Amino acid sequence: MTSGTPMKEQQIQRLYSFEGIRNIIALYGLGADRLNDPDLLGPLFTKNAVWRCEGFGEFKGRKAIREGLRSIAETRILWSFHAMATPGSIFAKKPDRHREVGTMGIVKSD
């Protein structure tokens, strides 16, 4: 079997990357729905990650994100249900081409 063209190989690699990102998003939803389980959520973030959500705050770094999300679950979240229905539409390539940024919406009742 011969290898594909460089363009096809790049396209396949991009699909693998998107699938990996979708899996991370699904794990995030699972961890969040388990009251921000720090053991599930912590490994999903890099050491220099930033988690930001209007109304909840901003946490910088894996340890701060892990503890911040745990605290939010203990003090402000009664329950949650994350349905990751459109993950393919949330990726935005940054100019440095080494980062992807994910954006998710939230539905809440007051």
Protein backbone atom coordinates (compact mmCIF):
# COMPACT_ATOMS: atom_id res chain seq x y z
CA MET A 1 0.00 0.00 0.00
CA THR A 2 1.39 3.38 -0.92
CA SER A 3 1.20 6.40 1.30
CA GLY A 4 -1.19 9.21 0.48
CA THR A 5 -0.28 12.61 -0.77
CA PRO A 6 1.03 15.13 1.77
CA MET A 7 -2.27 17.06 1.49
CA LYS A 8 -4.35 13.96 2.27
CA GLU A 9 -2.06 13.05 5.16
CA GLN A 10 -2.50 16.58 6.55
CA GLN A 11 -6.27 16.29 6.20
CA ILE A 12 -6.26 12.93 7.99
CA GLN A 13 -4.08 14.32 10.77
CA ARG A 14 -6.48 17.27 11.17
CA LEU A 15 -9.41 14.85 11.47
CA TYR A 16 -7.53 12.87 14.13
CA SER A 17 -6.83 16.13 15.95
CA PHE A 18 -10.49 17.17 15.86
CA GLU A 19 -11.54 13.75 17.14
CA GLY A 20 -9.09 14.07 20.02
CA ILE A 21 -10.50 17.51 20.83
CA ARG A 22 -14.05 16.13 20.72
CA ASN A 23 -13.04 13.41 23.19
CA ILE A 24 -11.57 16.02 25.53
CA ILE A 25 -14.78 18.05 25.28
CA ALA A 26 -16.84 14.94 26.10
CA LEU A 27 -14.63 14.21 29.12
CA TYR A 28 -15.01 17.84 30.21
CA GLY A 29 -18.80 17.48 30.09
CA LEU A 30 -18.65 14.24 32.05
CA GLY A 31 -16.37 15.77 34.69
CA ALA A 32 -18.52 18.89 34.92
CA ASP A 33 -21.68 16.83 35.32
CA ARG A 34 -20.00 14.97 38.18
CA LEU A 35 -19.84 18.21 40.16
CA ASN A 36 -16.61 19.36 38.50
CA ASP A 37 -14.74 16.21 39.46
CA PRO A 38 -11.15 17.46 39.80
CA ASP A 39 -9.69 14.05 38.96
CA LEU A 40 -11.47 14.04 35.60
CA LEU A 41 -11.09 17.74 34.80
CA GLY A 42 -7.55 18.42 35.98
CA PRO A 43 -5.72 16.33 33.35
CA LEU A 44 -7.68 18.00 30.54
CA PHE A 45 -5.84 21.29 31.01
CA THR A 46 -2.23 22.21 30.31
CA LYS A 47 -0.05 23.74 32.99
CA ASN A 48 -0.54 27.19 31.43
CA ALA A 49 -4.22 26.85 30.42
CA VAL A 50 -6.76 29.59 31.13
CA TRP A 51 -10.39 28.78 32.02
CA ARG A 52 -12.74 31.76 31.81
CA CYS A 53 -16.51 31.97 32.15
CA GLU A 54 -18.53 35.13 32.63
CA GLY A 55 -20.17 35.10 36.04
CA PHE A 56 -17.80 32.46 37.41
CA GLY A 57 -14.37 33.99 36.97
CA GLU A 58 -11.02 33.10 35.48
CA PHE A 59 -8.46 30.55 36.57
CA LYS A 60 -4.92 30.29 35.21
CA GLY A 61 -2.95 27.07 35.27
CA ARG A 62 -4.02 23.44 35.74
CA LYS A 63 -3.95 23.52 39.54
CA ALA A 64 -5.94 26.77 39.81
CA ILE A 65 -8.48 25.53 37.26
CA ARG A 66 -8.89 22.22 39.07
CA GLU A 67 -9.42 23.89 42.45
CA GLY A 68 -11.49 26.76 41.05
CA LEU A 69 -13.94 24.44 39.30
CA ARG A 70 -14.18 22.25 42.40
CA SER A 71 -15.01 25.34 44.46
CA ILE A 72 -17.65 26.47 41.97
CA ALA A 73 -19.32 23.05 42.18
CA GLU A 74 -19.30 23.12 45.98
CA THR A 75 -20.72 26.62 46.32
CA ARG A 76 -22.70 27.55 43.21
CA ILE A 77 -23.77 24.56 41.10
CA LEU A 78 -26.68 22.37 42.12
CA TRP A 79 -26.60 20.19 38.99
CA SER A 80 -25.50 20.34 35.38
CA PHE A 81 -26.04 18.53 32.11
CA HIS A 82 -23.54 19.10 29.32
CA ALA A 83 -24.70 17.98 25.86
CA MET A 84 -21.86 18.55 23.45
CA ALA A 85 -23.96 18.71 20.29
CA THR A 86 -21.91 20.90 17.96
CA PRO A 87 -18.24 20.51 18.85
CA GLY A 88 -17.07 20.91 15.25
CA SER A 89 -18.21 24.51 15.18
CA ILE A 90 -16.26 25.76 18.18
CA PHE A 91 -12.67 25.53 17.00
CA ALA A 92 -10.84 28.68 16.01
CA LYS A 93 -7.26 28.47 14.84
CA LYS A 94 -5.09 31.13 16.43
CA PRO A 95 -2.53 32.98 14.29
CA ASP A 96 0.42 31.18 15.89
CA ARG A 97 -1.09 27.86 14.69
CA HIS A 98 -0.07 26.11 17.89
CA ARG A 99 -3.27 26.70 19.82
CA GLU A 100 -6.92 25.98 19.35
CA VAL A 101 -9.53 27.93 21.26
CA GLY A 102 -12.81 26.35 22.26
CA THR A 103 -15.93 28.31 23.05
CA MET A 104 -19.04 26.77 24.57
CA GLY A 105 -22.42 28.26 25.29
CA ILE A 106 -24.28 27.77 28.52
CA VAL A 107 -28.02 27.49 29.09
CA LYS A 108 -29.11 28.33 32.59
CA SER A 109 -32.26 29.19 34.45
CA ASP A 110 -32.44 32.00 36.98
